[in-house]
Amino acid sequence: MKEVVRAVGLSKRYGRRSVLGNVDLSLREAEIVGLIGANGAGKTTLLRILLGLVRPTTGVVEWRGGNCAPPPDRAGHFGGAHTLPPDVAARRWARLLSRGREICDDRRPVRALSRGSRQLLGLSAELSRSEPDAFLFDEPWEGLDPDGSRWLSQTLRRRRENGCAFLVSSHRLHDLAGLCDRYAFLLEGRVVMQAADQISGQTVRGDDLLAAFDVIRYAP
């Protein structure tokens, strides 16, 4: 499969504090990569660097032939319910993000919705877009009820079958388990990539991901 985005030697420092150090990562067509790491490991920073929203201290990001940021309309991103504009009507915001598609008829301001409803609204609007060939999501299952969680996993699988790529950061290992083709473990500023069949000879479970995380964390 062709690479959608490739990062080489990424580092990020804020003053004396190092967040990322020498990160290599790739995302290919028709695959889902799970990004796993502890709180404060730099997962959100990494996603923002890949999207061109944050400049790395060192290293390069290449999207489809060398662009340092994704081409317009070719990458989707959702960073959580808190990123939605609170004073805009849910219906209006969803139409703007989805390029005019009617996916929501709720006229209340976004702030009036529950956290889970805001999360589902943002994901629905983003995933209704057919233009992107890659999506980068930060904790997408957060706040979703069982039906919403199932819808999200099924939608990611369906879009992957059509060639779309996903990089998904999440602490919910049971949702990532069995869904991803590869896993990127972010520890101490570096990324270790493992394919699903390296982690388990059968369907990957949440316990398998936790065990793999521990092996990498405590490796000499």
Protein backbone atom coordinates (compact mmCIF):
# COMPACT_ATOMS: atom_id res chain seq x y z
CA MET A 1 0.00 0.00 0.00
CA LYS A 2 1.15 3.55 -0.72
CA GLU A 3 2.04 5.85 2.14
CA VAL A 4 -0.35 8.69 2.87
CA VAL A 5 1.92 10.41 5.36
CA ARG A 6 5.44 9.73 6.62
CA ALA A 7 7.28 11.36 9.51
CA VAL A 8 11.03 11.02 9.97
CA GLY A 9 13.10 12.08 12.95
CA LEU A 10 10.46 14.25 14.58
CA SER A 11 11.29 15.97 17.83
CA LYS A 12 9.52 18.69 19.77
CA ARG A 13 10.84 20.76 22.62
CA TYR A 14 9.15 23.46 24.67
CA GLY A 15 12.01 25.28 26.29
CA ARG A 16 13.96 22.67 28.24
CA ARG A 17 11.13 20.14 28.14
CA SER A 18 11.33 17.47 25.47
CA VAL A 19 7.96 16.08 24.34
CA LEU A 20 9.00 14.02 21.32
CA GLY A 21 12.41 12.73 20.32
CA ASN A 22 13.37 11.14 16.99
CA VAL A 23 9.91 9.84 16.08
CA ASP A 24 9.48 7.87 12.86
CA LEU A 25 5.94 6.98 11.78
CA SER A 26 4.04 6.15 8.62
CA LEU A 27 0.39 5.79 7.67
CA ARG A 28 -0.57 3.82 4.59
CA GLU A 29 -3.68 3.63 2.45
CA ALA A 30 -6.46 1.36 3.69
CA GLU A 31 -5.11 0.84 7.20
CA ILE A 32 -5.92 1.84 10.75
CA VAL A 33 -3.02 2.61 13.07
CA GLY A 34 -3.67 2.86 16.80
CA LEU A 35 -1.58 5.39 18.73
CA ILE A 36 -1.06 4.29 22.34
CA GLY A 37 0.74 6.08 25.14
CA ALA A 38 0.44 7.37 28.67
CA ASN A 39 -1.03 10.75 29.58
CA GLY A 40 1.46 13.45 28.63
CA ALA A 41 3.40 11.16 26.30
CA GLY A 42 2.96 13.57 23.37
CA LYS A 43 0.19 11.89 21.37
CA THR A 44 -1.79 15.07 20.76
CA THR A 45 1.39 16.99 19.93
CA LEU A 46 2.33 14.32 17.39
CA LEU A 47 -1.08 14.49 15.71
CA ARG A 48 -0.86 18.28 15.49
CA ILE A 49 2.62 18.13 13.97
CA LEU A 50 1.44 15.65 11.35
CA LEU A 51 -1.46 17.99 10.48
CA GLY A 52 0.86 20.97 10.14
CA LEU A 53 -0.70 22.76 13.11
CA VAL A 54 2.50 22.62 15.18
CA ARG A 55 6.03 23.00 13.85
CA PRO A 56 8.47 20.28 14.93
CA THR A 57 11.78 21.25 16.47
CA THR A 58 13.52 18.80 14.13
CA GLY A 59 12.43 16.27 11.54
CA VAL A 60 10.18 16.24 8.49
CA VAL A 61 6.61 15.31 7.62
CA GLU A 62 5.70 14.32 4.08
CA TRP A 63 2.16 14.00 2.77
CA ARG A 64 1.74 12.33 -0.61
CA GLY A 65 4.88 13.40 -2.37
CA GLY A 66 6.56 15.83 -0.06
CA ASN A 67 4.07 18.39 1.24
CA CYS A 68 4.78 19.17 4.90
CA ALA A 69 1.05 19.64 5.58
CA PRO A 70 -1.88 17.65 4.15
CA PRO A 71 -3.31 18.94 0.88
CA PRO A 72 -6.57 20.89 1.31
CA ASP A 73 -9.56 18.66 2.02
CA ARG A 74 -7.46 15.48 1.92
CA ALA A 75 -7.12 14.99 5.68
CA GLY A 76 -9.78 15.00 8.38
CA HIS A 77 -9.23 15.65 12.07
CA PHE A 78 -11.30 15.57 15.22
CA GLY A 79 -9.85 16.41 18.61
CA GLY A 80 -12.86 15.90 20.86
CA ALA A 81 -16.16 17.42 21.97
CA HIS A 82 -14.41 20.38 23.60
CA THR A 83 -13.24 21.60 20.17
CA LEU A 84 -16.77 22.32 18.92
CA PRO A 85 -17.87 25.98 18.98
CA PRO A 86 -20.28 26.25 21.94
CA ASP A 87 -22.46 29.10 20.67
CA VAL A 88 -23.11 27.81 17.15
CA ALA A 89 -26.27 25.82 16.46
CA ALA A 90 -25.51 22.11 16.14
CA ARG A 91 -27.29 21.87 12.78
CA ARG A 92 -25.44 24.86 11.33
CA TRP A 93 -22.03 23.70 12.52
CA ALA A 94 -22.57 20.18 11.16
CA ARG A 95 -23.60 21.55 7.77
CA LEU A 96 -20.51 23.75 7.60
CA LEU A 97 -18.09 20.97 8.49
CA SER A 98 -19.75 18.36 6.29
CA ARG A 99 -19.90 20.73 3.30
CA GLY A 100 -23.68 21.15 3.33
CA ARG A 101 -24.78 17.63 4.13
CA GLU A 102 -27.88 17.28 6.30
CA ILE A 103 -26.65 15.07 9.12
CA CYS A 104 -28.21 16.85 12.09
CA ASP A 105 -31.50 18.72 12.59
CA ASP A 106 -30.86 19.90 16.15
CA ARG A 107 -31.13 23.71 16.30
CA ARG A 108 -29.84 24.05 19.86
CA PRO A 109 -26.43 25.59 20.44
CA VAL A 110 -23.65 23.07 20.76
CA ARG A 111 -23.19 23.92 24.46
CA ALA A 112 -26.72 22.64 25.19
CA LEU A 113 -25.82 19.12 24.05
CA SER A 114 -24.44 16.45 26.35
CA ARG A 115 -20.77 15.63 26.07
CA GLY A 116 -21.51 12.35 24.30
CA SER A 117 -23.87 14.06 21.86
CA ARG A 118 -21.24 16.68 21.05
CA GLN A 119 -18.68 13.95 20.48
CA LEU A 120 -21.00 12.02 18.19
CA LEU A 121 -21.96 15.20 16.32
CA GLY A 122 -18.33 16.06 15.63
CA LEU A 123 -17.44 12.56 14.49
CA SER A 124 -20.56 12.23 12.32
CA ALA A 125 -19.88 15.52 10.58
CA GLU A 126 -16.21 14.71 10.01
CA LEU A 127 -16.81 11.18 8.77
CA SER A 128 -19.60 12.28 6.44
CA ARG A 129 -16.94 13.93 4.29
CA SER A 130 -15.89 11.84 1.31
CA GLU A 131 -12.92 14.00 0.27
CA PRO A 132 -10.29 13.00 2.88
CA ASP A 133 -8.16 9.94 2.29
CA ALA A 134 -6.84 10.08 5.85
CA PHE A 135 -8.32 10.93 9.24
CA LEU A 136 -6.41 11.69 12.44
CA PHE A 137 -8.53 11.27 15.57
CA ASP A 138 -7.71 12.06 19.20
CA GLU A 139 -9.69 9.96 21.72
CA PRO A 140 -12.70 9.48 19.41
CA TRP A 141 -14.55 6.96 21.63
CA GLU A 142 -14.46 9.27 24.65
CA GLY A 143 -18.00 9.90 25.93
CA LEU A 144 -19.76 7.66 23.41
CA ASP A 145 -22.41 5.21 24.57
CA PRO A 146 -22.34 1.56 23.37
CA ASP A 147 -24.32 2.31 20.21
CA GLY A 148 -22.10 5.27 19.37
CA SER A 149 -18.95 3.25 20.01
CA ARG A 150 -20.19 0.46 17.75
CA TRP A 151 -21.13 2.94 15.02
CA LEU A 152 -17.68 4.52 15.13
CA SER A 153 -15.80 1.21 14.90
CA GLN A 154 -18.03 0.01 12.06
CA THR A 155 -17.60 3.28 10.17
CA LEU A 156 -13.81 3.15 10.47
CA ARG A 157 -13.80 -0.41 9.15
CA ARG A 158 -16.05 0.51 6.23
CA ARG A 159 -13.99 3.55 5.26
CA ARG A 160 -10.80 1.49 5.49
CA GLU A 161 -12.28 -1.02 3.04
CA ASN A 162 -12.71 1.88 0.62
CA GLY A 163 -9.04 2.81 0.92
CA CYS A 164 -9.13 5.42 3.68
CA ALA A 165 -6.37 5.61 6.31
CA PHE A 166 -6.80 6.35 10.02
CA LEU A 167 -4.40 7.28 12.80
CA VAL A 168 -6.35 6.96 16.04
CA SER A 169 -5.05 7.96 19.46
CA SER A 170 -6.97 6.36 22.31
CA HIS A 171 -6.63 5.09 25.86
CA ARG A 172 -9.54 2.70 25.26
CA LEU A 173 -7.49 -0.34 24.38
CA HIS A 174 -10.54 -2.59 24.07
CA ASP A 175 -11.82 -0.37 21.24
CA LEU A 176 -8.47 -0.29 19.44
CA ALA A 177 -7.98 -4.04 19.91
CA GLY A 178 -8.93 -6.06 16.85
CA LEU A 179 -9.62 -2.88 14.86
CA CYS A 180 -6.11 -1.74 13.92
CA ASP A 181 -3.68 -3.16 11.39
CA ARG A 182 -0.69 -1.68 13.23
CA TYR A 183 -0.06 -0.07 16.59
CA ALA A 184 2.26 2.84 17.39
CA PHE A 185 3.40 2.77 21.00
CA LEU A 186 4.63 6.19 22.14
CA LEU A 187 6.95 5.98 25.13
CA GLU A 188 9.53 8.45 26.39
CA GLY A 189 9.22 10.52 23.23
CA ARG A 190 9.83 7.68 20.78
CA VAL A 191 7.50 5.48 18.72
CA VAL A 192 7.70 1.70 18.44
CA MET A 193 5.55 0.28 15.62
CA GLN A 194 4.13 -3.25 15.77
CA ALA A 195 1.81 -5.03 13.38
CA ALA A 196 -1.25 -6.73 14.82
CA ASP A 197 0.15 -10.19 14.03
CA GLN A 198 3.33 -9.33 15.96
CA ILE A 199 1.24 -8.73 19.06
CA SER A 200 -1.02 -11.75 18.78
CA GLY A 201 -1.38 -14.69 16.41
CA GLN A 202 -5.14 -14.35 16.81
CA THR A 203 -7.45 -11.36 17.15
CA VAL A 204 -5.73 -8.71 19.25
CA ARG A 205 -7.37 -8.11 22.63
CA GLY A 206 -7.05 -5.24 25.05
CA ASP A 207 -4.91 -7.36 27.37
CA ASP A 208 -2.56 -8.11 24.46
CA LEU A 209 -2.03 -4.39 23.85
CA LEU A 210 -1.39 -3.76 27.53
CA ALA A 211 1.14 -6.61 27.62
CA ALA A 212 2.89 -5.29 24.49
CA PHE A 213 3.01 -1.80 26.00
CA ASP A 214 4.63 -3.18 29.16
CA VAL A 215 7.20 -5.22 27.20
CA ILE A 216 8.28 -2.13 25.27
CA ARG A 217 8.24 0.09 28.37
CA TYR A 218 10.44 -2.22 30.40
CA ALA A 219 12.73 -3.38 27.59
CA PRO A 220 16.43 -2.80 28.39
